[in-house]
Amino acid sequence: MAGIEDIIKQTPFVIVGGVATQYYVPQRQTQDIDILVLTQNASPIERELDRAGSRKIGSLAIGGSAWQLPDGTYLDVIESNKPWVKEAIQKPNRSLDGLPIISLPYLVLMKLEASRFQDAEDLSKVLGVADESTLKQVRTVVRTYLKDAIEDLESFIQLAKLEFQRSQRSRQANLLADSSKPIDLAARMQVDAKDVEQRSVQSSPKREEWEKVMLSQALKSLQDTNIVDGIQTATFANGKFRAILHAPTETLSVVDENQHRGTLYKTRKGEAATIDEFTAQEKERFLQQRSQQNKSNLQPPTSSKQKQQQIEPGE
């Protein structure tokens, strides 16, 4: 995705459309970007796009404008003054890169309003990954702003749950053929330091010792947290760092909780770290904790199935 946050710096906006859908269900692929702004901010955002060297290529039938960004990416700026838009822009979710993503209740509302085939297909996916708390928020938003669609929403929710359950059963069968329990992503990604040292898996990235300890602590902190809008988050290392797991993509980020240095570490299951900003002192501190961490990891699990769930990120 283009560095849209470097282009639009003043005008409030939220990312919608395919990119927003991909945030919740990464199977949805798209190259274009759609953003939502208040109608009164149409002129300010056009000035920002112009200054950045973007080219206006047309107008949108639903209200707004179409642009080509300097890197060739296409951007649709959707303008609206509907009653819910201001709140949706003010209360976004944030991607791991800090981009404002429309929260799931308002994304569902937009797709119910559009009633296109692609939107219906997207609804069956995004609603399937929503927990009960999020579904309650979705129902509240739809009941408030599009009450005639409540019955349709409930139908989509039921279909989505059935589809999600089928996909989960298939995924679990592939990952742990002899396990009948749902797999917690944080537990499945958890590092077992002893096993990592003893096993050689060509497809797994080679991780440094301090990295294994840090990942073990980060993922252990997530075990008792709920997934909200596809995100699990918790602090570790006595509150010094915050682990953020984007469940749909199995991407783990670690940020500085106290000194606000931003993202210090980022990795995805099966891949090497793409960001590593820990200081040498911090890495040494993790190494000093290795013995204690290994001792904790070597404690026998309560069941063989739990032991099966302890795998190194990247396996």
C-alpha atoms as a PDB file:
ATOM      1  CA  MET A   1       0.000   0.000   0.000  1.00  0.00           C
ATOM      2  CA  ALA A   2       1.203   3.485  -0.804  1.00  0.00           C
ATOM      3  CA  GLY A   3       2.343   5.676   2.077  1.00  0.00           C
ATOM      4  CA  ILE A   4      -1.014   7.387   2.252  1.00  0.00           C
ATOM      5  CA  GLU A   5      -0.336   8.651   5.769  1.00  0.00           C
ATOM      6  CA  ASP A   6       2.605  10.624   4.308  1.00  0.00           C
ATOM      7  CA  ILE A   7       0.294  12.226   1.736  1.00  0.00           C
ATOM      8  CA  ILE A   8      -2.839  12.971   3.774  1.00  0.00           C
ATOM      9  CA  LYS A   9      -1.550  14.529   6.983  1.00  0.00           C
ATOM     10  CA  GLN A  10      -4.254  17.043   7.950  1.00  0.00           C
ATOM     11  CA  THR A  11      -7.623  15.760   6.766  1.00  0.00           C
ATOM     12  CA  PRO A  12      -9.313  13.113   8.980  1.00  0.00           C
ATOM     13  CA  PHE A  13     -10.105   9.947   7.052  1.00  0.00           C
ATOM     14  CA  VAL A  14     -10.645   6.244   7.542  1.00  0.00           C
ATOM     15  CA  ILE A  15      -9.744   3.377   5.214  1.00  0.00           C
ATOM     16  CA  VAL A  16     -12.733   1.418   3.914  1.00  0.00           C
ATOM     17  CA  GLY A  17     -13.431  -0.994   1.043  1.00  0.00           C
ATOM     18  CA  GLY A  18     -11.224  -3.914   0.140  1.00  0.00           C
ATOM     19  CA  VAL A  19      -8.214  -2.856   2.216  1.00  0.00           C
ATOM     20  CA  ALA A  20     -10.392  -2.578   5.327  1.00  0.00           C
ATOM     21  CA  THR A  21     -11.933  -5.964   4.595  1.00  0.00           C
ATOM     22  CA  GLN A  22      -8.465  -7.430   4.158  1.00  0.00           C
ATOM     23  CA  TYR A  23      -7.557  -6.151   7.631  1.00  0.00           C
ATOM     24  CA  TYR A  24     -10.220  -8.461   9.125  1.00  0.00           C
ATOM     25  CA  VAL A  25     -10.038 -11.325   6.614  1.00  0.00           C
ATOM     26  CA  PRO A  26      -6.723 -11.321   4.722  1.00  0.00           C
ATOM     27  CA  GLN A  27      -7.996 -13.670   1.987  1.00  0.00           C
ATOM     28  CA  ARG A  28      -9.584 -10.628   0.329  1.00  0.00           C
ATOM     29  CA  GLN A  29      -6.983  -9.228  -2.095  1.00  0.00           C
ATOM     30  CA  THR A  30      -7.037  -5.706  -3.514  1.00  0.00           C
ATOM     31  CA  GLN A  31      -4.552  -3.243  -4.952  1.00  0.00           C
ATOM     32  CA  ASP A  32      -6.680  -0.094  -4.764  1.00  0.00           C
ATOM     33  CA  ILE A  33      -7.372   2.060  -1.707  1.00  0.00           C
ATOM     34  CA  ASP A  34     -10.744   3.482  -0.666  1.00  0.00           C
ATOM     35  CA  ILE A  35     -11.018   6.107   2.042  1.00  0.00           C
ATOM     36  CA  LEU A  36     -14.004   7.835   3.625  1.00  0.00           C
ATOM     37  CA  VAL A  37     -14.082  11.546   4.497  1.00  0.00           C
ATOM     38  CA  LEU A  38     -16.749  14.022   5.531  1.00  0.00           C
ATOM     39  CA  THR A  39     -18.181  15.974   2.603  1.00  0.00           C
ATOM     40  CA  GLN A  40     -16.990  19.276   4.064  1.00  0.00           C
ATOM     41  CA  ASN A  41     -13.408  17.977   3.926  1.00  0.00           C
ATOM     42  CA  ALA A  42     -13.481  17.329   0.171  1.00  0.00           C
ATOM     43  CA  SER A  43     -11.558  20.492  -0.723  1.00  0.00           C
ATOM     44  CA  PRO A  44      -8.851  20.146   1.963  1.00  0.00           C
ATOM     45  CA  ILE A  45      -8.090  16.555   1.004  1.00  0.00           C
ATOM     46  CA  GLU A  46      -7.930  17.441  -2.685  1.00  0.00           C
ATOM     47  CA  ARG A  47      -5.357  20.135  -1.878  1.00  0.00           C
ATOM     48  CA  GLU A  48      -3.268  17.630   0.058  1.00  0.00           C
ATOM     49  CA  LEU A  49      -3.411  15.120  -2.777  1.00  0.00           C
ATOM     50  CA  ASP A  50      -2.492  17.802  -5.318  1.00  0.00           C
ATOM     51  CA  ARG A  51       0.511  18.954  -3.284  1.00  0.00           C
ATOM     52  CA  ALA A  52       1.793  15.385  -3.115  1.00  0.00           C
ATOM     53  CA  GLY A  53       1.735  15.055  -6.900  1.00  0.00           C
ATOM     54  CA  SER A  54      -1.388  12.881  -7.140  1.00  0.00           C
ATOM     55  CA  ARG A  55      -3.513  13.079 -10.284  1.00  0.00           C
ATOM     56  CA  LYS A  56      -7.293  13.400 -10.227  1.00  0.00           C
ATOM     57  CA  ILE A  57      -8.779  11.038 -12.799  1.00  0.00           C
ATOM     58  CA  GLY A  58     -12.530  11.364 -12.250  1.00  0.00           C
ATOM     59  CA  SER A  59     -15.530  11.542  -9.967  1.00  0.00           C
ATOM     60  CA  LEU A  60     -17.378   8.775  -8.132  1.00  0.00           C
ATOM     61  CA  ALA A  61     -21.071   8.153  -8.762  1.00  0.00           C
ATOM     62  CA  ILE A  62     -21.622   7.652  -5.020  1.00  0.00           C
ATOM     63  CA  GLY A  63     -19.982  10.989  -4.247  1.00  0.00           C
ATOM     64  CA  GLY A  64     -16.286  11.672  -4.172  1.00  0.00           C
ATOM     65  CA  SER A  65     -13.275  11.571  -6.455  1.00  0.00           C
ATOM     66  CA  ALA A  66     -10.860   9.079  -7.986  1.00  0.00           C
ATOM     67  CA  TRP A  67      -7.101   9.627  -7.933  1.00  0.00           C
ATOM     68  CA  GLN A  68      -3.837   8.096  -9.008  1.00  0.00           C
ATOM     69  CA  LEU A  69      -1.120   8.485  -6.372  1.00  0.00           C
ATOM     70  CA  PRO A  70       2.512   9.237  -7.276  1.00  0.00           C
ATOM     71  CA  ASP A  71       3.466   5.547  -6.995  1.00  0.00           C
ATOM     72  CA  GLY A  72       0.683   4.511  -9.406  1.00  0.00           C
ATOM     73  CA  THR A  73      -1.764   3.261  -6.742  1.00  0.00           C
ATOM     74  CA  TYR A  74      -5.407   4.163  -7.348  1.00  0.00           C
ATOM     75  CA  LEU A  75      -7.274   5.933  -4.568  1.00  0.00           C
ATOM     76  CA  ASP A  76     -11.035   6.508  -4.264  1.00  0.00           C
ATOM     77  CA  VAL A  77     -12.032   9.300  -1.887  1.00  0.00           C
ATOM     78  CA  ILE A  78     -15.629   8.663  -0.793  1.00  0.00           C
ATOM     79  CA  GLU A  79     -17.399  11.739   0.568  1.00  0.00           C
ATOM     80  CA  SER A  80     -20.410  11.450   2.856  1.00  0.00           C
ATOM     81  CA  ASN A  81     -22.405  13.387   5.429  1.00  0.00           C
ATOM     82  CA  LYS A  82     -24.403  10.432   6.714  1.00  0.00           C
ATOM     83  CA  PRO A  83     -25.044  10.603  10.473  1.00  0.00           C
ATOM     84  CA  TRP A  84     -22.613   7.799  11.341  1.00  0.00           C
ATOM     85  CA  VAL A  85     -19.637   8.933   9.254  1.00  0.00           C
ATOM     86  CA  LYS A  86     -18.132  11.408  11.728  1.00  0.00           C
ATOM     87  CA  GLU A  87     -18.120   8.817  14.505  1.00  0.00           C
ATOM     88  CA  ALA A  88     -16.656   6.163  12.208  1.00  0.00           C
ATOM     89  CA  ILE A  89     -13.786   8.492  11.297  1.00  0.00           C
ATOM     90  CA  GLN A  90     -13.183   9.479  14.914  1.00  0.00           C
ATOM     91  CA  LYS A  91     -13.111   5.895  16.236  1.00  0.00           C
ATOM     92  CA  PRO A  92     -11.101   3.740  13.829  1.00  0.00           C
ATOM     93  CA  ASN A  93      -9.084   0.642  14.484  1.00  0.00           C
ATOM     94  CA  ARG A  94      -5.370   0.950  13.834  1.00  0.00           C
ATOM     95  CA  SER A  95      -3.410  -1.386  11.618  1.00  0.00           C
ATOM     96  CA  LEU A  96       0.017  -2.579  12.719  1.00  0.00           C
ATOM     97  CA  ASP A  97       1.425   0.294  10.654  1.00  0.00           C
ATOM     98  CA  GLY A  98      -0.820   2.798  12.410  1.00  0.00           C
ATOM     99  CA  LEU A  99      -3.262   3.378   9.543  1.00  0.00           C
ATOM    100  CA  PRO A 100      -6.881   4.216  10.469  1.00  0.00           C
ATOM    101  CA  ILE A 101      -9.101   1.275   9.493  1.00  0.00           C
ATOM    102  CA  ILE A 102     -12.866   1.632   9.756  1.00  0.00           C
ATOM    103  CA  SER A 103     -14.110  -0.385  12.723  1.00  0.00           C
ATOM    104  CA  LEU A 104     -16.024  -3.557  11.943  1.00  0.00           C
ATOM    105  CA  PRO A 105     -19.532  -2.291  12.889  1.00  0.00           C
ATOM    106  CA  TYR A 106     -19.311   0.596  10.421  1.00  0.00           C
ATOM    107  CA  LEU A 107     -17.696  -1.560   7.741  1.00  0.00           C
ATOM    108  CA  VAL A 108     -20.662  -3.932   8.030  1.00  0.00           C
ATOM    109  CA  LEU A 109     -23.038  -0.956   7.860  1.00  0.00           C
ATOM    110  CA  MET A 110     -21.404   0.295   4.650  1.00  0.00           C
ATOM    111  CA  LYS A 111     -21.633  -3.117   3.022  1.00  0.00           C
ATOM    112  CA  LEU A 112     -25.276  -3.550   4.015  1.00  0.00           C
ATOM    113  CA  GLU A 113     -26.034  -0.156   2.479  1.00  0.00           C
ATOM    114  CA  ALA A 114     -24.181  -1.023  -0.754  1.00  0.00           C
ATOM    115  CA  SER A 115     -25.860  -4.446  -1.163  1.00  0.00           C
ATOM    116  CA  ARG A 116     -23.494  -5.558  -3.923  1.00  0.00           C
ATOM    117  CA  PHE A 117     -22.527  -9.186  -4.517  1.00  0.00           C
ATOM    118  CA  GLN A 118     -18.944  -8.584  -3.397  1.00  0.00           C
ATOM    119  CA  ASP A 119     -20.196  -6.838  -0.253  1.00  0.00           C
ATOM    120  CA  ALA A 120     -22.447  -9.778   0.572  1.00  0.00           C
ATOM    121  CA  GLU A 121     -19.517 -12.158   0.155  1.00  0.00           C
ATOM    122  CA  ASP A 122     -17.336  -9.949   2.355  1.00  0.00           C
ATOM    123  CA  LEU A 123     -20.043  -9.827   5.052  1.00  0.00           C
ATOM    124  CA  SER A 124     -20.109 -13.597   5.300  1.00  0.00           C
ATOM    125  CA  LYS A 125     -16.360 -13.519   6.025  1.00  0.00           C
ATOM    126  CA  VAL A 126     -15.905 -10.525   8.342  1.00  0.00           C
ATOM    127  CA  LEU A 127     -18.880 -11.472  10.517  1.00  0.00           C
ATOM    128  CA  GLY A 128     -17.491 -14.982  10.891  1.00  0.00           C
ATOM    129  CA  VAL A 129     -14.354 -13.763  12.680  1.00  0.00           C
ATOM    130  CA  ALA A 130     -16.216 -11.347  14.992  1.00  0.00           C
ATOM    131  CA  ASP A 131     -16.634 -12.252  18.660  1.00  0.00           C
ATOM    132  CA  GLU A 132     -19.918 -11.782  20.529  1.00  0.00           C
ATOM    133  CA  SER A 133     -18.866  -8.406  21.918  1.00  0.00           C
ATOM    134  CA  THR A 134     -18.142  -7.083  18.436  1.00  0.00           C
ATOM    135  CA  LEU A 135     -21.361  -8.565  17.042  1.00  0.00           C
ATOM    136  CA  LYS A 136     -23.263  -6.715  19.766  1.00  0.00           C
ATOM    137  CA  GLN A 137     -21.659  -3.476  18.580  1.00  0.00           C
ATOM    138  CA  VAL A 138     -22.522  -4.325  14.977  1.00  0.00           C
ATOM    139  CA  ARG A 139     -26.174  -4.905  15.880  1.00  0.00           C
ATOM    140  CA  THR A 140     -26.306  -1.602  17.785  1.00  0.00           C
ATOM    141  CA  VAL A 141     -24.863   0.383  14.863  1.00  0.00           C
ATOM    142  CA  VAL A 142     -27.147  -1.260  12.276  1.00  0.00           C
ATOM    143  CA  ARG A 143     -30.212  -0.891  14.505  1.00  0.00           C
ATOM    144  CA  THR A 144     -29.387   2.808  14.960  1.00  0.00           C
ATOM    145  CA  TYR A 145     -28.615   3.770  11.373  1.00  0.00           C
ATOM    146  CA  LEU A 146     -30.170   1.086   9.148  1.00  0.00           C
ATOM    147  CA  LYS A 147     -32.865  -0.624  11.182  1.00  0.00           C
ATOM    148  CA  ASP A 148     -34.581  -2.103   8.108  1.00  0.00           C
ATOM    149  CA  ALA A 149     -31.496  -4.259   7.566  1.00  0.00           C
ATOM    150  CA  ILE A 150     -31.536  -5.979  10.974  1.00  0.00           C
ATOM    151  CA  GLU A 151     -33.161  -9.120   9.610  1.00  0.00           C
ATOM    152  CA  ASP A 152     -30.624  -9.314   6.775  1.00  0.00           C
ATOM    153  CA  LEU A 153     -27.810  -8.800   9.269  1.00  0.00           C
ATOM    154  CA  GLU A 154     -28.946 -11.723  11.416  1.00  0.00           C
ATOM    155  CA  SER A 155     -29.090 -13.949   8.354  1.00  0.00           C
ATOM    156  CA  PHE A 156     -25.532 -12.963   7.404  1.00  0.00           C
ATOM    157  CA  ILE A 157     -24.350 -13.625  10.968  1.00  0.00           C
ATOM    158  CA  GLN A 158     -25.789 -17.141  11.006  1.00  0.00           C
ATOM    159  CA  LEU A 159     -24.340 -17.964   7.582  1.00  0.00           C
ATOM    160  CA  ALA A 160     -20.996 -16.490   8.605  1.00  0.00           C
ATOM    161  CA  LYS A 161     -20.839 -18.580  11.770  1.00  0.00           C
ATOM    162  CA  LEU A 162     -21.532 -21.772   9.845  1.00  0.00           C
ATOM    163  CA  GLU A 163     -18.886 -20.944   7.241  1.00  0.00           C
ATOM    164  CA  PHE A 164     -16.354 -19.962   9.899  1.00  0.00           C
ATOM    165  CA  GLN A 165     -16.935 -23.179  11.826  1.00  0.00           C
ATOM    166  CA  ARG A 166     -16.407 -25.235   8.666  1.00  0.00           C
ATOM    167  CA  SER A 167     -13.174 -23.424   7.839  1.00  0.00           C
ATOM    168  CA  GLN A 168     -11.921 -23.767  11.422  1.00  0.00           C
ATOM    169  CA  ARG A 169     -12.582 -27.514  11.432  1.00  0.00           C
ATOM    170  CA  SER A 170     -10.693 -27.871   8.176  1.00  0.00           C
ATOM    171  CA  ARG A 171      -7.783 -25.759   9.413  1.00  0.00           C
ATOM    172  CA  GLN A 172      -7.556 -27.633  12.705  1.00  0.00           C
ATOM    173  CA  ALA A 173      -7.594 -30.958  10.903  1.00  0.00           C
ATOM    174  CA  ASN A 174      -4.634 -29.849   8.801  1.00  0.00           C
ATOM    175  CA  LEU A 175      -2.659 -28.427  11.717  1.00  0.00           C
ATOM    176  CA  LEU A 176      -3.377 -30.996  14.419  1.00  0.00           C
ATOM    177  CA  ALA A 177      -5.086 -34.006  12.978  1.00  0.00           C
ATOM    178  CA  ASP A 178      -5.533 -35.677  16.355  1.00  0.00           C
ATOM    179  CA  SER A 179      -6.758 -32.590  18.243  1.00  0.00           C
ATOM    180  CA  SER A 180     -10.479 -31.987  18.727  1.00  0.00           C
ATOM    181  CA  LYS A 181     -10.122 -28.689  20.604  1.00  0.00           C
ATOM    182  CA  PRO A 182     -10.066 -25.212  19.038  1.00  0.00           C
ATOM    183  CA  ILE A 183      -6.559 -23.845  18.633  1.00  0.00           C
ATOM    184  CA  ASP A 184      -5.674 -20.576  20.356  1.00  0.00           C
ATOM    185  CA  LEU A 185      -3.413 -18.641  17.982  1.00  0.00           C
ATOM    186  CA  ALA A 186      -1.188 -17.283  20.733  1.00  0.00           C
ATOM    187  CA  ALA A 187      -0.760 -20.756  22.233  1.00  0.00           C
ATOM    188  CA  ARG A 188      -0.130 -22.285  18.809  1.00  0.00           C
ATOM    189  CA  MET A 189       2.580 -19.725  18.088  1.00  0.00           C
ATOM    190  CA  GLN A 190       4.164 -20.028  21.558  1.00  0.00           C
ATOM    191  CA  VAL A 191       7.890 -20.720  21.663  1.00  0.00           C
ATOM    192  CA  ASP A 192       9.122 -23.819  23.430  1.00  0.00           C
ATOM    193  CA  ALA A 193      12.819 -22.992  23.762  1.00  0.00           C
ATOM    194  CA  LYS A 194      13.971 -26.594  24.327  1.00  0.00           C
ATOM    195  CA  ASP A 195      12.024 -27.950  21.366  1.00  0.00           C
ATOM    196  CA  VAL A 196      13.267 -25.139  19.138  1.00  0.00           C
ATOM    197  CA  GLU A 197      16.872 -26.032  19.962  1.00  0.00           C
ATOM    198  CA  GLN A 198      16.337 -29.738  19.322  1.00  0.00           C
ATOM    199  CA  ARG A 199      14.326 -29.527  16.113  1.00  0.00           C
ATOM    200  CA  SER A 200      15.499 -28.486  12.676  1.00  0.00           C
ATOM    201  CA  VAL A 201      12.727 -27.301  10.391  1.00  0.00           C
ATOM    202  CA  GLN A 202      13.859 -25.971   7.046  1.00  0.00           C
ATOM    203  CA  SER A 203      10.770 -23.818   6.585  1.00  0.00           C
ATOM    204  CA  SER A 204      11.231 -22.079   9.947  1.00  0.00           C
ATOM    205  CA  PRO A 205      13.271 -18.895  10.194  1.00  0.00           C
ATOM    206  CA  LYS A 206      16.388 -19.125  12.356  1.00  0.00           C
ATOM    207  CA  ARG A 207      15.845 -17.010  15.459  1.00  0.00           C
ATOM    208  CA  GLU A 208      18.474 -15.714  17.852  1.00  0.00           C
ATOM    209  CA  GLU A 209      18.450 -16.826  21.470  1.00  0.00           C
ATOM    210  CA  TRP A 210      17.291 -13.481  22.875  1.00  0.00           C
ATOM    211  CA  GLU A 211      14.543 -13.488  20.239  1.00  0.00           C
ATOM    212  CA  LYS A 212      13.233 -16.877  21.381  1.00  0.00           C
ATOM    213  CA  VAL A 213      13.052 -15.685  24.980  1.00  0.00           C
ATOM    214  CA  MET A 214      11.342 -12.439  24.026  1.00  0.00           C
ATOM    215  CA  LEU A 215       8.795 -14.227  21.815  1.00  0.00           C
ATOM    216  CA  SER A 216       8.048 -16.746  24.547  1.00  0.00           C
ATOM    217  CA  GLN A 217       7.304 -13.952  27.012  1.00  0.00           C
ATOM    218  CA  ALA A 218       5.257 -11.966  24.511  1.00  0.00           C
ATOM    219  CA  LEU A 219       3.095 -14.886  23.409  1.00  0.00           C
ATOM    220  CA  LYS A 220       2.622 -16.184  26.936  1.00  0.00           C
ATOM    221  CA  SER A 221       1.165 -12.794  27.885  1.00  0.00           C
ATOM    222  CA  LEU A 222      -1.461 -13.173  25.152  1.00  0.00           C
ATOM    223  CA  GLN A 223      -2.778 -16.579  26.193  1.00  0.00           C
ATOM    224  CA  ASP A 224      -5.594 -15.309  28.416  1.00  0.00           C
ATOM    225  CA  THR A 225      -6.626 -12.337  26.260  1.00  0.00           C
ATOM    226  CA  ASN A 226      -9.637 -12.167  23.951  1.00  0.00           C
ATOM    227  CA  ILE A 227      -9.528 -11.437  20.230  1.00  0.00           C
ATOM    228  CA  VAL A 228     -11.282  -8.122  19.546  1.00  0.00           C
ATOM    229  CA  ASP A 229     -11.612  -7.032  15.913  1.00  0.00           C
ATOM    230  CA  GLY A 230      -8.928  -9.550  15.018  1.00  0.00           C
ATOM    231  CA  ILE A 231      -6.427  -8.226  17.597  1.00  0.00           C
ATOM    232  CA  GLN A 232      -4.980  -9.685  20.792  1.00  0.00           C
ATOM    233  CA  THR A 233      -2.812  -7.419  22.929  1.00  0.00           C
ATOM    234  CA  ALA A 234      -1.099  -7.556  26.326  1.00  0.00           C
ATOM    235  CA  THR A 235       1.941  -6.137  28.099  1.00  0.00           C
ATOM    236  CA  PHE A 236       4.930  -8.194  29.208  1.00  0.00           C
ATOM    237  CA  ALA A 237       8.366  -7.748  30.794  1.00  0.00           C
ATOM    238  CA  ASN A 238       6.818  -5.971  33.774  1.00  0.00           C
ATOM    239  CA  GLY A 239       4.799  -3.690  31.541  1.00  0.00           C
ATOM    240  CA  LYS A 240       7.782  -2.411  29.551  1.00  0.00           C
ATOM    241  CA  PHE A 241       6.654  -3.832  26.195  1.00  0.00           C
ATOM    242  CA  ARG A 242       3.290  -4.505  24.557  1.00  0.00           C
ATOM    243  CA  ALA A 243       2.655  -7.519  22.322  1.00  0.00           C
ATOM    244  CA  ILE A 244       0.070  -7.086  19.542  1.00  0.00           C
ATOM    245  CA  LEU A 245      -1.073 -10.162  17.637  1.00  0.00           C
ATOM    246  CA  HIS A 246      -3.099  -9.625  14.471  1.00  0.00           C
ATOM    247  CA  ALA A 247      -4.882 -12.977  14.507  1.00  0.00           C
ATOM    248  CA  PRO A 248      -6.095 -13.169  10.879  1.00  0.00           C
ATOM    249  CA  THR A 249      -2.546 -12.795   9.498  1.00  0.00           C
ATOM    250  CA  GLU A 250      -0.711 -14.311  12.504  1.00  0.00           C
ATOM    251  CA  THR A 251       1.494 -11.215  12.651  1.00  0.00           C
ATOM    252  CA  LEU A 252       3.104 -10.295  15.957  1.00  0.00           C
ATOM    253  CA  SER A 253       4.360  -6.799  16.753  1.00  0.00           C
ATOM    254  CA  VAL A 254       6.086  -5.581  19.903  1.00  0.00           C
ATOM    255  CA  VAL A 255       5.978  -1.900  20.809  1.00  0.00           C
ATOM    256  CA  ASP A 256       7.601   0.148  23.560  1.00  0.00           C
ATOM    257  CA  GLU A 257       4.903   0.701  26.172  1.00  0.00           C
ATOM    258  CA  ASN A 258       6.710   3.287  28.304  1.00  0.00           C
ATOM    259  CA  GLN A 259       9.123   5.314  26.178  1.00  0.00           C
ATOM    260  CA  HIS A 260       6.890   5.405  23.071  1.00  0.00           C
ATOM    261  CA  ARG A 261       9.603   4.393  20.618  1.00  0.00           C
ATOM    262  CA  GLY A 262       7.044   2.807  18.342  1.00  0.00           C
ATOM    263  CA  THR A 263       7.333  -0.700  16.889  1.00  0.00           C
ATOM    264  CA  LEU A 264      10.465  -2.478  18.113  1.00  0.00           C
ATOM    265  CA  TYR A 265       9.841  -5.878  16.550  1.00  0.00           C
ATOM    266  CA  LYS A 266       7.563  -7.418  13.932  1.00  0.00           C
ATOM    267  CA  THR A 267       7.308 -10.957  12.609  1.00  0.00           C
ATOM    268  CA  ARG A 268       4.815 -13.233  10.937  1.00  0.00           C
ATOM    269  CA  LYS A 269       4.426 -16.957  11.498  1.00  0.00           C
ATOM    270  CA  GLY A 270       6.854 -18.775   9.226  1.00  0.00           C
ATOM    271  CA  GLU A 271       8.857 -15.636   8.399  1.00  0.00           C
ATOM    272  CA  ALA A 272      11.895 -13.836   9.771  1.00  0.00           C
ATOM    273  CA  ALA A 273      11.439 -10.562  11.616  1.00  0.00           C
ATOM    274  CA  THR A 274      10.915  -7.544   9.364  1.00  0.00           C
ATOM    275  CA  ILE A 275      11.540  -5.028  12.157  1.00  0.00           C
ATOM    276  CA  ASP A 276      14.133  -5.334  14.939  1.00  0.00           C
ATOM    277  CA  GLU A 277      14.781  -2.147  16.888  1.00  0.00           C
ATOM    278  CA  PHE A 278      15.606  -3.618  20.299  1.00  0.00           C
ATOM    279  CA  THR A 279      18.779  -2.172  21.800  1.00  0.00           C
ATOM    280  CA  ALA A 280      21.818  -4.311  22.567  1.00  0.00           C
ATOM    281  CA  GLN A 281      21.129  -3.854  26.278  1.00  0.00           C
ATOM    282  CA  GLU A 282      17.541  -5.048  25.906  1.00  0.00           C
ATOM    283  CA  LYS A 283      18.672  -8.119  23.964  1.00  0.00           C
ATOM    284  CA  GLU A 284      21.269  -8.878  26.634  1.00  0.00           C
ATOM    285  CA  ARG A 285      18.571  -8.594  29.284  1.00  0.00           C
ATOM    286  CA  PHE A 286      16.481 -11.202  27.467  1.00  0.00           C
ATOM    287  CA  LEU A 287      19.532 -13.466  27.259  1.00  0.00           C
ATOM    288  CA  GLN A 288      20.024 -13.147  31.007  1.00  0.00           C
ATOM    289  CA  GLN A 289      16.465 -14.377  31.463  1.00  0.00           C
ATOM    290  CA  ARG A 290      17.038 -17.397  29.211  1.00  0.00           C
ATOM    291  CA  SER A 291      17.716 -19.900  31.987  1.00  0.00           C
ATOM    292  CA  GLN A 292      14.615 -18.903  33.891  1.00  0.00           C
ATOM    293  CA  GLN A 293      12.530 -18.909  30.703  1.00  0.00           C
ATOM    294  CA  ASN A 294      13.797 -22.337  29.640  1.00  0.00           C
ATOM    295  CA  LYS A 295      13.020 -23.716  33.085  1.00  0.00           C
ATOM    296  CA  SER A 296       9.477 -22.431  32.776  1.00  0.00           C
ATOM    297  CA  ASN A 297       9.095 -23.865  29.269  1.00  0.00           C
ATOM    298  CA  LEU A 298      10.369 -27.267  30.419  1.00  0.00           C
ATOM    299  CA  GLN A 299       7.592 -27.702  32.977  1.00  0.00           C
ATOM    300  CA  PRO A 300       5.391 -30.622  31.822  1.00  0.00           C
ATOM    301  CA  PRO A 301       2.135 -29.495  30.177  1.00  0.00           C
ATOM    302  CA  THR A 302      -1.178 -30.590  31.666  1.00  0.00           C
ATOM    303  CA  SER A 303      -1.991 -32.613  28.566  1.00  0.00           C
ATOM    304  CA  SER A 304      -0.301 -33.937  25.444  1.00  0.00           C
ATOM    305  CA  LYS A 305      -2.571 -31.752  23.320  1.00  0.00           C
ATOM    306  CA  GLN A 306      -1.292 -28.623  25.049  1.00  0.00           C
ATOM    307  CA  LYS A 307       2.254 -29.758  24.339  1.00  0.00           C
ATOM    308  CA  GLN A 308       1.376 -30.166  20.668  1.00  0.00           C
ATOM    309  CA  GLN A 309       0.206 -26.547  20.575  1.00  0.00           C
ATOM    310  CA  GLN A 310       3.607 -25.176  21.655  1.00  0.00           C
ATOM    311  CA  ILE A 311       5.410 -24.451  18.401  1.00  0.00           C
ATOM    312  CA  GLU A 312       7.913 -21.877  17.321  1.00  0.00           C
ATOM    313  CA  PRO A 313       6.594 -18.960  15.212  1.00  0.00           C
ATOM    314  CA  GLY A 314       7.515 -19.758  11.680  1.00  0.00           C
ATOM    315  CA  GLU A 315       6.778 -23.477  11.783  1.00  0.00           C
END
